Amino acid sequence: VYAGWEERPTGDVDVLIAPADLDRARAALRAIGWADMGEGADSDEAADEAFLRAEGYNWKAVEPGGVPLELHFRLWGCAPEGLGASVLTRAVADPEAGETARRLRLEDAWVLHAVHWWTTLPVRPLLYLWDLRRITEAAGDRFAADVTTQVRRWGLQLFVAPVAAAVGALWDDATHRAI
């Protein structure tokens, strides 16, 4: 929803992948210079790996220039089982971003962004709310109906309603009031 990647201030890069692709994706990223964020003299590699596989939802890495990355192979613990797979299945090919790249549908991006607000309270809360506003501006007429269908399907009303209400109040936005 931004004209260029550089327009949005960001703290890290988030990539959502299928769980089955975790090892392959990590190997590919390591091959081009990304390293585990947990690496260090006092790191217990075996324990870190066990936690990642059993309870974690993302592999955190950093590239030599210092850019952090979260490779999400599951969604947060509060996200219903199957939501991540559904979002990936509905994503559309994005050849400009790479041969295998996919872009989330706007309604899925909006729902994940709204839920993410509650999982890790943002450093820049107004920017997160503005992102939601920008997503709705880029979407079509059926956006509120599409979002609410997804929200009801996954039982995410308690996460989404307060965030939508905040955006609706800040920008006098009818779409967010409808959500």
N, C-alpha and C. Protein backbone atom coordinates (compact mmCIF):
# COMPACT_ATOMS: atom_id res chain seq x y z
N VAL A 1 0.82 -1.21 0.00
CA VAL A 1 0.00 0.00 0.00
C VAL A 1 0.85 1.26 0.00
N TYR A 2 2.15 1.10 -0.07
CA TYR A 2 3.07 2.23 -0.21
C TYR A 2 3.62 2.21 -1.63
N ALA A 3 3.92 3.38 -2.18
CA ALA A 3 4.45 3.44 -3.54
C ALA A 3 5.81 2.74 -3.64
N GLY A 4 6.60 2.81 -2.58
CA GLY A 4 7.90 2.16 -2.55
C GLY A 4 8.20 1.63 -1.17
N TRP A 5 9.02 0.57 -1.08
CA TRP A 5 9.35 -0.04 0.21
C TRP A 5 9.95 0.97 1.18
N GLU A 6 10.72 1.91 0.64
CA GLU A 6 11.43 2.86 1.49
C GLU A 6 10.51 3.88 2.16
N GLU A 7 9.27 3.97 1.74
CA GLU A 7 8.35 4.95 2.32
C GLU A 7 7.89 4.61 3.73
N ARG A 8 7.87 3.33 4.06
CA ARG A 8 7.35 2.93 5.38
C ARG A 8 8.50 2.64 6.33
N PRO A 9 8.57 3.39 7.42
CA PRO A 9 9.59 3.06 8.42
C PRO A 9 9.30 1.67 8.99
N THR A 10 10.34 0.89 9.18
CA THR A 10 10.15 -0.46 9.67
C THR A 10 11.27 -0.86 10.61
N GLY A 11 10.99 -1.79 11.48
CA GLY A 11 11.99 -2.28 12.40
C GLY A 11 12.58 -3.61 11.95
N ASP A 12 11.83 -4.37 11.17
CA ASP A 12 12.30 -5.66 10.68
C ASP A 12 11.52 -6.06 9.44
N VAL A 13 11.96 -7.13 8.84
CA VAL A 13 11.29 -7.69 7.67
C VAL A 13 10.58 -8.95 8.14
N ASP A 14 9.29 -9.08 7.85
CA ASP A 14 8.52 -10.27 8.21
C ASP A 14 8.17 -11.04 6.95
N VAL A 15 8.48 -12.33 6.97
CA VAL A 15 8.17 -13.21 5.83
C VAL A 15 7.39 -14.39 6.37
N LEU A 16 6.24 -14.68 5.76
CA LEU A 16 5.41 -15.81 6.16
C LEU A 16 5.62 -16.95 5.17
N ILE A 17 5.95 -18.13 5.72
CA ILE A 17 6.17 -19.32 4.89
C ILE A 17 5.38 -20.48 5.46
N ALA A 18 5.23 -21.51 4.66
CA ALA A 18 4.60 -22.75 5.14
C ALA A 18 5.59 -23.45 6.08
N PRO A 19 5.10 -24.10 7.14
CA PRO A 19 6.00 -24.80 8.07
C PRO A 19 6.95 -25.78 7.38
N ALA A 20 6.48 -26.45 6.35
CA ALA A 20 7.31 -27.43 5.64
C ALA A 20 8.50 -26.79 4.95
N ASP A 21 8.46 -25.49 4.73
CA ASP A 21 9.54 -24.79 4.03
C ASP A 21 10.59 -24.18 4.95
N LEU A 22 10.44 -24.37 6.27
CA LEU A 22 11.34 -23.71 7.22
C LEU A 22 12.81 -24.06 6.98
N ASP A 23 13.15 -25.32 6.91
CA ASP A 23 14.55 -25.69 6.76
C ASP A 23 15.14 -25.16 5.46
N ARG A 24 14.40 -25.30 4.38
CA ARG A 24 14.86 -24.84 3.06
C ARG A 24 15.03 -23.32 3.05
N ALA A 25 14.08 -22.60 3.65
CA ALA A 25 14.16 -21.14 3.68
C ALA A 25 15.34 -20.67 4.53
N ARG A 26 15.52 -21.30 5.68
CA ARG A 26 16.67 -20.94 6.54
C ARG A 26 17.98 -21.19 5.82
N ALA A 27 18.10 -22.32 5.15
CA ALA A 27 19.33 -22.64 4.42
C ALA A 27 19.60 -21.61 3.33
N ALA A 28 18.55 -21.22 2.60
CA ALA A 28 18.71 -20.23 1.54
C ALA A 28 19.14 -18.88 2.10
N LEU A 29 18.53 -18.48 3.22
CA LEU A 29 18.89 -17.20 3.83
C LEU A 29 20.31 -17.23 4.40
N ARG A 30 20.67 -18.32 5.04
CA ARG A 30 22.04 -18.44 5.57
C ARG A 30 23.06 -18.39 4.44
N ALA A 31 22.72 -18.98 3.31
CA ALA A 31 23.65 -19.02 2.17
C ALA A 31 23.96 -17.63 1.62
N ILE A 32 23.06 -16.67 1.86
CA ILE A 32 23.32 -15.32 1.37
C ILE A 32 23.66 -14.35 2.49
N GLY A 33 24.01 -14.89 3.67
CA GLY A 33 24.56 -14.05 4.72
C GLY A 33 23.72 -13.80 5.95
N TRP A 34 22.49 -14.27 5.98
CA TRP A 34 21.66 -14.08 7.17
C TRP A 34 22.13 -15.05 8.27
N ALA A 35 22.11 -14.60 9.51
CA ALA A 35 22.55 -15.42 10.64
C ALA A 35 21.50 -15.41 11.73
N ASP A 36 21.42 -16.50 12.48
CA ASP A 36 20.51 -16.58 13.62
C ASP A 36 20.77 -15.41 14.57
N MET A 37 19.72 -14.76 15.02
CA MET A 37 19.89 -13.67 16.00
C MET A 37 20.37 -14.20 17.33
N GLY A 38 20.04 -15.45 17.65
CA GLY A 38 20.42 -16.03 18.93
C GLY A 38 21.85 -16.52 19.00
N GLU A 39 22.58 -16.48 17.88
CA GLU A 39 23.96 -16.96 17.89
C GLU A 39 24.82 -16.09 18.79
N GLY A 40 25.72 -16.71 19.49
CA GLY A 40 26.63 -15.99 20.36
C GLY A 40 27.36 -16.96 21.26
N ALA A 41 28.30 -16.45 22.02
CA ALA A 41 29.14 -17.29 22.88
C ALA A 41 28.33 -18.06 23.92
N ASP A 42 27.28 -17.43 24.45
CA ASP A 42 26.50 -18.10 25.51
C ASP A 42 25.24 -18.77 24.98
N SER A 43 25.12 -18.90 23.68
CA SER A 43 23.94 -19.51 23.07
C SER A 43 24.01 -21.03 23.16
N ASP A 44 22.86 -21.65 23.47
CA ASP A 44 22.74 -23.11 23.49
C ASP A 44 21.97 -23.48 22.22
N GLU A 45 22.71 -23.78 21.17
CA GLU A 45 22.11 -24.01 19.86
C GLU A 45 21.05 -25.11 19.86
N ALA A 46 21.33 -26.20 20.55
CA ALA A 46 20.38 -27.33 20.60
C ALA A 46 19.09 -26.92 21.31
N ALA A 47 19.22 -26.21 22.43
CA ALA A 47 18.04 -25.76 23.17
C ALA A 47 17.25 -24.74 22.36
N ASP A 48 17.97 -23.83 21.69
CA ASP A 48 17.29 -22.83 20.85
C ASP A 48 16.50 -23.50 19.74
N GLU A 49 17.10 -24.50 19.11
CA GLU A 49 16.43 -25.21 18.01
C GLU A 49 15.22 -25.99 18.52
N ALA A 50 15.36 -26.62 19.68
CA ALA A 50 14.24 -27.38 20.26
C ALA A 50 13.07 -26.45 20.57
N PHE A 51 13.37 -25.28 21.14
CA PHE A 51 12.31 -24.33 21.44
C PHE A 51 11.64 -23.85 20.15
N LEU A 52 12.45 -23.52 19.15
CA LEU A 52 11.90 -23.06 17.88
C LEU A 52 10.93 -24.07 17.31
N ARG A 53 11.32 -25.32 17.27
CA ARG A 53 10.48 -26.36 16.68
C ARG A 53 9.23 -26.65 17.51
N ALA A 54 9.34 -26.63 18.83
CA ALA A 54 8.21 -27.00 19.69
C ALA A 54 7.26 -25.85 19.98
N GLU A 55 7.79 -24.66 20.21
CA GLU A 55 6.95 -23.56 20.68
C GLU A 55 7.06 -22.28 19.87
N GLY A 56 8.13 -22.14 19.15
CA GLY A 56 8.36 -20.88 18.44
C GLY A 56 7.42 -20.69 17.26
N TYR A 57 7.36 -19.49 16.78
CA TYR A 57 6.56 -19.22 15.59
C TYR A 57 7.36 -18.50 14.52
N ASN A 58 8.59 -18.08 14.85
CA ASN A 58 9.42 -17.48 13.82
C ASN A 58 10.90 -17.68 14.12
N TRP A 59 11.68 -17.72 13.05
CA TRP A 59 13.13 -17.77 13.17
C TRP A 59 13.61 -16.34 12.99
N LYS A 60 14.36 -15.86 13.96
CA LYS A 60 14.86 -14.49 13.90
C LYS A 60 16.29 -14.50 13.39
N ALA A 61 16.53 -13.68 12.39
CA ALA A 61 17.84 -13.61 11.76
C ALA A 61 18.22 -12.15 11.53
N VAL A 62 19.47 -11.96 11.22
CA VAL A 62 19.97 -10.62 10.91
C VAL A 62 20.99 -10.76 9.77
N GLU A 63 21.00 -9.77 8.88
CA GLU A 63 21.98 -9.82 7.80
C GLU A 63 23.18 -8.96 8.19
N PRO A 64 24.30 -9.07 7.48
CA PRO A 64 25.51 -8.37 7.90
C PRO A 64 25.34 -6.86 8.10
N GLY A 65 24.42 -6.24 7.40
CA GLY A 65 24.19 -4.80 7.55
C GLY A 65 23.35 -4.45 8.77
N GLY A 66 22.83 -5.47 9.46
CA GLY A 66 22.07 -5.24 10.68
C GLY A 66 20.56 -5.28 10.54
N VAL A 67 20.04 -5.56 9.35
CA VAL A 67 18.59 -5.61 9.15
C VAL A 67 18.05 -6.90 9.77
N PRO A 68 17.11 -6.80 10.72
CA PRO A 68 16.53 -8.02 11.30
C PRO A 68 15.40 -8.58 10.44
N LEU A 69 15.23 -9.88 10.53
CA LEU A 69 14.21 -10.58 9.76
C LEU A 69 13.51 -11.58 10.66
N GLU A 70 12.21 -11.71 10.52
CA GLU A 70 11.45 -12.76 11.19
C GLU A 70 10.84 -13.64 10.12
N LEU A 71 11.27 -14.89 10.09
CA LEU A 71 10.76 -15.87 9.15
C LEU A 71 9.66 -16.64 9.86
N HIS A 72 8.41 -16.22 9.66
CA HIS A 72 7.26 -16.82 10.35
C HIS A 72 6.85 -18.11 9.65
N PHE A 73 6.89 -19.20 10.39
CA PHE A 73 6.41 -20.48 9.87
C PHE A 73 5.13 -20.90 10.59
N ARG A 74 4.78 -20.18 11.63
CA ARG A 74 3.49 -20.29 12.33
C ARG A 74 3.11 -18.87 12.70
N LEU A 75 1.84 -18.72 13.00
CA LEU A 75 1.41 -17.42 13.52
C LEU A 75 1.44 -17.47 15.04
N TRP A 76 1.16 -16.38 15.67
CA TRP A 76 1.23 -16.24 17.12
C TRP A 76 0.32 -17.26 17.81
N GLY A 77 0.61 -17.52 19.07
CA GLY A 77 -0.17 -18.48 19.83
C GLY A 77 -1.65 -18.17 19.89
N CYS A 78 -2.01 -16.90 19.79
CA CYS A 78 -3.43 -16.53 19.86
C CYS A 78 -4.14 -16.75 18.53
N ALA A 79 -3.39 -17.00 17.46
CA ALA A 79 -4.01 -17.19 16.15
C ALA A 79 -4.55 -18.61 16.04
N PRO A 80 -5.75 -18.77 15.54
CA PRO A 80 -6.34 -20.11 15.42
C PRO A 80 -5.53 -21.00 14.47
N GLU A 81 -5.51 -22.27 14.78
CA GLU A 81 -4.85 -23.26 13.92
C GLU A 81 -5.45 -23.18 12.51
N GLY A 82 -4.61 -23.11 11.53
CA GLY A 82 -5.07 -23.07 10.14
C GLY A 82 -5.11 -21.69 9.53
N LEU A 83 -5.07 -20.64 10.34
CA LEU A 83 -5.13 -19.28 9.78
C LEU A 83 -3.95 -19.00 8.87
N GLY A 84 -2.74 -19.34 9.29
CA GLY A 84 -1.56 -19.10 8.47
C GLY A 84 -1.63 -19.82 7.14
N ALA A 85 -2.02 -21.08 7.18
CA ALA A 85 -2.14 -21.86 5.94
C ALA A 85 -3.20 -21.27 5.02
N SER A 86 -4.30 -20.82 5.58
CA SER A 86 -5.36 -20.21 4.78
C SER A 86 -4.88 -18.93 4.09
N VAL A 87 -4.16 -18.11 4.85
CA VAL A 87 -3.65 -16.86 4.31
C VAL A 87 -2.67 -17.14 3.18
N LEU A 88 -1.79 -18.13 3.37
CA LEU A 88 -0.82 -18.47 2.32
C LEU A 88 -1.52 -19.02 1.08
N THR A 89 -2.53 -19.83 1.29
CA THR A 89 -3.26 -20.41 0.16
C THR A 89 -3.94 -19.33 -0.67
N ARG A 90 -4.44 -18.30 0.00
CA ARG A 90 -5.16 -17.23 -0.69
C ARG A 90 -4.23 -16.17 -1.29
N ALA A 91 -2.94 -16.19 -0.93
CA ALA A 91 -2.00 -15.19 -1.43
C ALA A 91 -1.86 -15.29 -2.94
N VAL A 92 -1.52 -14.17 -3.57
CA VAL A 92 -1.40 -14.12 -5.03
C VAL A 92 0.07 -13.96 -5.43
N ALA A 93 0.42 -14.53 -6.58
CA ALA A 93 1.79 -14.45 -7.07
C ALA A 93 2.22 -12.99 -7.21
N ASP A 94 3.49 -12.72 -6.88
CA ASP A 94 4.06 -11.38 -6.99
C ASP A 94 5.42 -11.48 -7.68
N PRO A 95 5.42 -11.64 -9.01
CA PRO A 95 6.67 -11.85 -9.74
C PRO A 95 7.68 -10.71 -9.59
N GLU A 96 7.21 -9.50 -9.32
CA GLU A 96 8.13 -8.38 -9.12
C GLU A 96 9.01 -8.58 -7.89
N ALA A 97 8.52 -9.31 -6.89
CA ALA A 97 9.27 -9.54 -5.66
C ALA A 97 10.12 -10.80 -5.74
N GLY A 98 9.95 -11.60 -6.76
CA GLY A 98 10.74 -12.81 -6.91
C GLY A 98 9.94 -13.93 -7.53
N GLU A 99 10.67 -14.93 -8.00
CA GLU A 99 10.06 -16.04 -8.74
C GLU A 99 9.00 -16.78 -7.94
N THR A 100 9.20 -16.97 -6.65
CA THR A 100 8.24 -17.71 -5.83
C THR A 100 7.48 -16.83 -4.86
N ALA A 101 7.67 -15.51 -4.96
CA ALA A 101 7.05 -14.58 -4.02
C ALA A 101 5.54 -14.53 -4.19
N ARG A 102 4.87 -14.34 -3.08
CA ARG A 102 3.42 -14.18 -3.08
C ARG A 102 3.09 -12.99 -2.19
N ARG A 103 2.00 -12.34 -2.47
CA ARG A 103 1.56 -11.18 -1.70
C ARG A 103 0.22 -11.50 -1.08
N LEU A 104 0.08 -11.16 0.19
CA LEU A 104 -1.19 -11.42 0.87
C LEU A 104 -2.31 -10.60 0.25
N ARG A 105 -3.49 -11.17 0.23
CA ARG A 105 -4.67 -10.39 -0.17
C ARG A 105 -4.85 -9.29 0.86
N LEU A 106 -5.39 -8.16 0.45
CA LEU A 106 -5.49 -7.02 1.35
C LEU A 106 -6.30 -7.33 2.61
N GLU A 107 -7.39 -8.08 2.48
CA GLU A 107 -8.18 -8.37 3.68
C GLU A 107 -7.41 -9.26 4.65
N ASP A 108 -6.59 -10.18 4.13
CA ASP A 108 -5.77 -11.02 5.00
C ASP A 108 -4.66 -10.21 5.65
N ALA A 109 -4.04 -9.33 4.87
CA ALA A 109 -2.99 -8.46 5.43
C ALA A 109 -3.58 -7.59 6.53
N TRP A 110 -4.78 -7.08 6.33
CA TRP A 110 -5.42 -6.22 7.33
C TRP A 110 -5.67 -7.02 8.62
N VAL A 111 -6.21 -8.22 8.49
CA VAL A 111 -6.52 -9.03 9.68
C VAL A 111 -5.23 -9.38 10.43
N LEU A 112 -4.20 -9.83 9.73
CA LEU A 112 -2.95 -10.17 10.40
C LEU A 112 -2.33 -8.94 11.07
N HIS A 113 -2.40 -7.81 10.41
CA HIS A 113 -1.85 -6.57 10.98
C HIS A 113 -2.61 -6.18 12.24
N ALA A 114 -3.91 -6.30 12.22
CA ALA A 114 -4.72 -5.96 13.40
C ALA A 114 -4.44 -6.92 14.55
N VAL A 115 -4.30 -8.21 14.28
CA VAL A 115 -4.00 -9.18 15.33
C VAL A 115 -2.58 -8.95 15.86
N HIS A 116 -1.65 -8.63 14.96
CA HIS A 116 -0.26 -8.38 15.35
C HIS A 116 -0.18 -7.25 16.37
N TRP A 117 -1.06 -6.28 16.27
CA TRP A 117 -1.11 -5.16 17.22
C TRP A 117 -1.15 -5.69 18.65
N TRP A 118 -1.95 -6.72 18.89
CA TRP A 118 -2.15 -7.26 20.24
C TRP A 118 -1.06 -8.23 20.66
N THR A 119 -0.37 -8.84 19.72
CA THR A 119 0.66 -9.81 20.08
C THR A 119 1.96 -9.15 20.48
N THR A 120 2.28 -8.07 19.82
CA THR A 120 3.49 -7.30 20.11
C THR A 120 3.10 -5.85 19.99
N LEU A 121 2.77 -5.23 21.09
CA LEU A 121 2.33 -3.84 21.00
C LEU A 121 3.38 -3.01 20.27
N PRO A 122 2.96 -2.29 19.24
CA PRO A 122 3.92 -1.62 18.37
C PRO A 122 4.64 -0.45 19.04
N VAL A 123 5.87 -0.26 18.59
CA VAL A 123 6.67 0.88 19.05
C VAL A 123 6.06 2.17 18.53
N ARG A 124 5.53 2.12 17.32
CA ARG A 124 4.90 3.29 16.70
C ARG A 124 3.42 2.99 16.48
N PRO A 125 2.59 3.09 17.53
CA PRO A 125 1.19 2.65 17.40
C PRO A 125 0.41 3.41 16.33
N LEU A 126 0.65 4.69 16.18
CA LEU A 126 -0.10 5.46 15.17
C LEU A 126 0.25 4.99 13.77
N LEU A 127 1.51 4.62 13.54
CA LEU A 127 1.92 4.12 12.23
C LEU A 127 1.18 2.82 11.91
N TYR A 128 1.03 1.93 12.90
CA TYR A 128 0.30 0.68 12.68
C TYR A 128 -1.15 0.97 12.31
N LEU A 129 -1.76 1.90 13.00
CA LEU A 129 -3.15 2.25 12.70
C LEU A 129 -3.25 2.88 11.32
N TRP A 130 -2.28 3.71 10.98
CA TRP A 130 -2.26 4.34 9.66
C TRP A 130 -2.10 3.29 8.57
N ASP A 131 -1.28 2.25 8.83
CA ASP A 131 -1.15 1.16 7.86
C ASP A 131 -2.52 0.52 7.58
N LEU A 132 -3.30 0.29 8.63
CA LEU A 132 -4.63 -0.29 8.44
C LEU A 132 -5.50 0.63 7.59
N ARG A 133 -5.41 1.89 7.84
CA ARG A 133 -6.16 2.88 7.05
C ARG A 133 -5.72 2.83 5.58
N ARG A 134 -4.42 2.76 5.35
CA ARG A 134 -3.90 2.71 3.97
C ARG A 134 -4.36 1.44 3.26
N ILE A 135 -4.40 0.33 3.99
CA ILE A 135 -4.86 -0.92 3.38
C ILE A 135 -6.31 -0.77 2.93
N THR A 136 -7.16 -0.18 3.77
CA THR A 136 -8.57 -0.01 3.37
C THR A 136 -8.70 0.95 2.20
N GLU A 137 -7.86 1.97 2.14
CA GLU A 137 -7.91 2.91 1.01
C GLU A 137 -7.55 2.22 -0.30
N ALA A 138 -6.66 1.23 -0.24
CA ALA A 138 -6.22 0.53 -1.45
C ALA A 138 -7.21 -0.56 -1.87
N ALA A 139 -8.10 -0.94 -0.98
CA ALA A 139 -9.02 -2.06 -1.24
C ALA A 139 -10.27 -1.58 -1.98
N GLY A 140 -11.06 -2.55 -2.40
CA GLY A 140 -12.29 -2.25 -3.12
C GLY A 140 -13.49 -2.04 -2.23
N ASP A 141 -14.64 -1.92 -2.84
CA ASP A 141 -15.89 -1.62 -2.14
C ASP A 141 -16.31 -2.71 -1.15
N ARG A 142 -15.98 -3.95 -1.42
CA ARG A 142 -16.41 -5.06 -0.57
C ARG A 142 -15.46 -5.32 0.59
N PHE A 143 -14.51 -4.44 0.81
CA PHE A 143 -13.46 -4.70 1.78
C PHE A 143 -13.99 -4.98 3.18
N ALA A 144 -14.86 -4.15 3.70
CA ALA A 144 -15.38 -4.35 5.06
C ALA A 144 -16.06 -5.72 5.18
N ALA A 145 -16.84 -6.09 4.17
CA ALA A 145 -17.52 -7.39 4.19
C ALA A 145 -16.51 -8.54 4.13
N ASP A 146 -15.47 -8.39 3.30
CA ASP A 146 -14.46 -9.44 3.19
C ASP A 146 -13.68 -9.60 4.49
N VAL A 147 -13.33 -8.47 5.13
CA VAL A 147 -12.60 -8.54 6.40
C VAL A 147 -13.48 -9.17 7.47
N THR A 148 -14.70 -8.72 7.60
CA THR A 148 -15.56 -9.26 8.66
C THR A 148 -15.85 -10.75 8.43
N THR A 149 -15.93 -11.18 7.20
CA THR A 149 -16.10 -12.61 6.92
C THR A 149 -14.91 -13.39 7.46
N GLN A 150 -13.70 -12.91 7.19
CA GLN A 150 -12.49 -13.58 7.69
C GLN A 150 -12.42 -13.54 9.22
N VAL A 151 -12.74 -12.40 9.79
CA VAL A 151 -12.67 -12.23 11.24
C VAL A 151 -13.64 -13.19 11.93
N ARG A 152 -14.87 -13.28 11.42
CA ARG A 152 -15.85 -14.20 12.01
C ARG A 152 -15.44 -15.65 11.81
N ARG A 153 -14.93 -15.95 10.62
CA ARG A 153 -14.51 -17.33 10.33
C ARG A 153 -13.48 -17.81 11.35
N TRP A 154 -12.55 -16.93 11.73
CA TRP A 154 -11.46 -17.31 12.61
C TRP A 154 -11.68 -16.91 14.06
N GLY A 155 -12.81 -16.29 14.38
CA GLY A 155 -13.11 -15.93 15.76
C GLY A 155 -12.17 -14.87 16.33
N LEU A 156 -11.84 -13.89 15.55
CA LEU A 156 -10.87 -12.87 15.95
C LEU A 156 -11.50 -11.53 16.31
N GLN A 157 -12.79 -11.53 16.58
CA GLN A 157 -13.51 -10.28 16.84
C GLN A 157 -12.90 -9.47 17.98
N LEU A 158 -12.50 -10.12 19.07
CA LEU A 158 -11.96 -9.39 20.22
C LEU A 158 -10.63 -8.71 19.91
N PHE A 159 -9.88 -9.24 18.96
CA PHE A 159 -8.64 -8.60 18.55
C PHE A 159 -8.91 -7.44 17.60
N VAL A 160 -9.83 -7.65 16.69
CA VAL A 160 -10.02 -6.73 15.57
C VAL A 160 -10.91 -5.53 15.92
N ALA A 161 -11.99 -5.75 16.63
CA ALA A 161 -12.96 -4.67 16.87
C ALA A 161 -12.35 -3.42 17.50
N PRO A 162 -11.55 -3.52 18.57
CA PRO A 162 -11.00 -2.29 19.16
C PRO A 162 -10.05 -1.54 18.22
N VAL A 163 -9.27 -2.29 17.44
CA VAL A 163 -8.34 -1.65 16.52
C VAL A 163 -9.12 -0.95 15.40
N ALA A 164 -10.12 -1.63 14.85
CA ALA A 164 -10.94 -1.02 13.80
C ALA A 164 -11.65 0.22 14.34
N ALA A 165 -12.14 0.16 15.57
CA ALA A 165 -12.82 1.32 16.17
C ALA A 165 -11.85 2.50 16.31
N ALA A 166 -10.61 2.22 16.70
CA ALA A 166 -9.62 3.28 16.84
C ALA A 166 -9.33 3.95 15.50
N VAL A 167 -9.14 3.15 14.46
CA VAL A 167 -8.88 3.71 13.13
C VAL A 167 -10.10 4.50 12.65
N GLY A 168 -11.29 3.94 12.85
CA GLY A 168 -12.52 4.63 12.44
C GLY A 168 -12.68 5.97 13.12
N ALA A 169 -12.31 6.05 14.39
CA ALA A 169 -12.42 7.31 15.14
C ALA A 169 -11.35 8.31 14.73
N LEU A 170 -10.14 7.84 14.52
CA LEU A 170 -9.03 8.75 14.17
C LEU A 170 -9.24 9.42 12.82
N TRP A 171 -9.72 8.67 11.84
CA TRP A 171 -9.85 9.21 10.49
C TRP A 171 -11.30 9.34 10.03
N ASP A 172 -12.26 9.25 10.95
CA ASP A 172 -13.67 9.32 10.59
C ASP A 172 -13.94 8.43 9.39
N ASP A 173 -13.57 7.16 9.55
CA ASP A 173 -13.53 6.20 8.45
C ASP A 173 -14.70 5.23 8.54
N ALA A 174 -15.58 5.28 7.56
CA ALA A 174 -16.78 4.44 7.56
C ALA A 174 -16.45 2.95 7.40
N THR A 175 -15.42 2.63 6.63
CA THR A 175 -15.05 1.22 6.44
C THR A 175 -14.65 0.59 7.76
N HIS A 176 -13.83 1.30 8.53
CA HIS A 176 -13.41 0.75 9.83
C HIS A 176 -14.57 0.71 10.82
N ARG A 177 -15.45 1.66 10.77
CA ARG A 177 -16.63 1.60 11.64
C ARG A 177 -17.47 0.38 11.27
N ALA A 178 -17.57 0.06 9.99
CA ALA A 178 -18.33 -1.11 9.56
C ALA A 178 -17.67 -2.39 10.04
N ILE A 179 -16.35 -2.44 10.00
CA ILE A 179 -15.63 -3.62 10.49
C ILE A 179 -15.86 -3.76 11.98
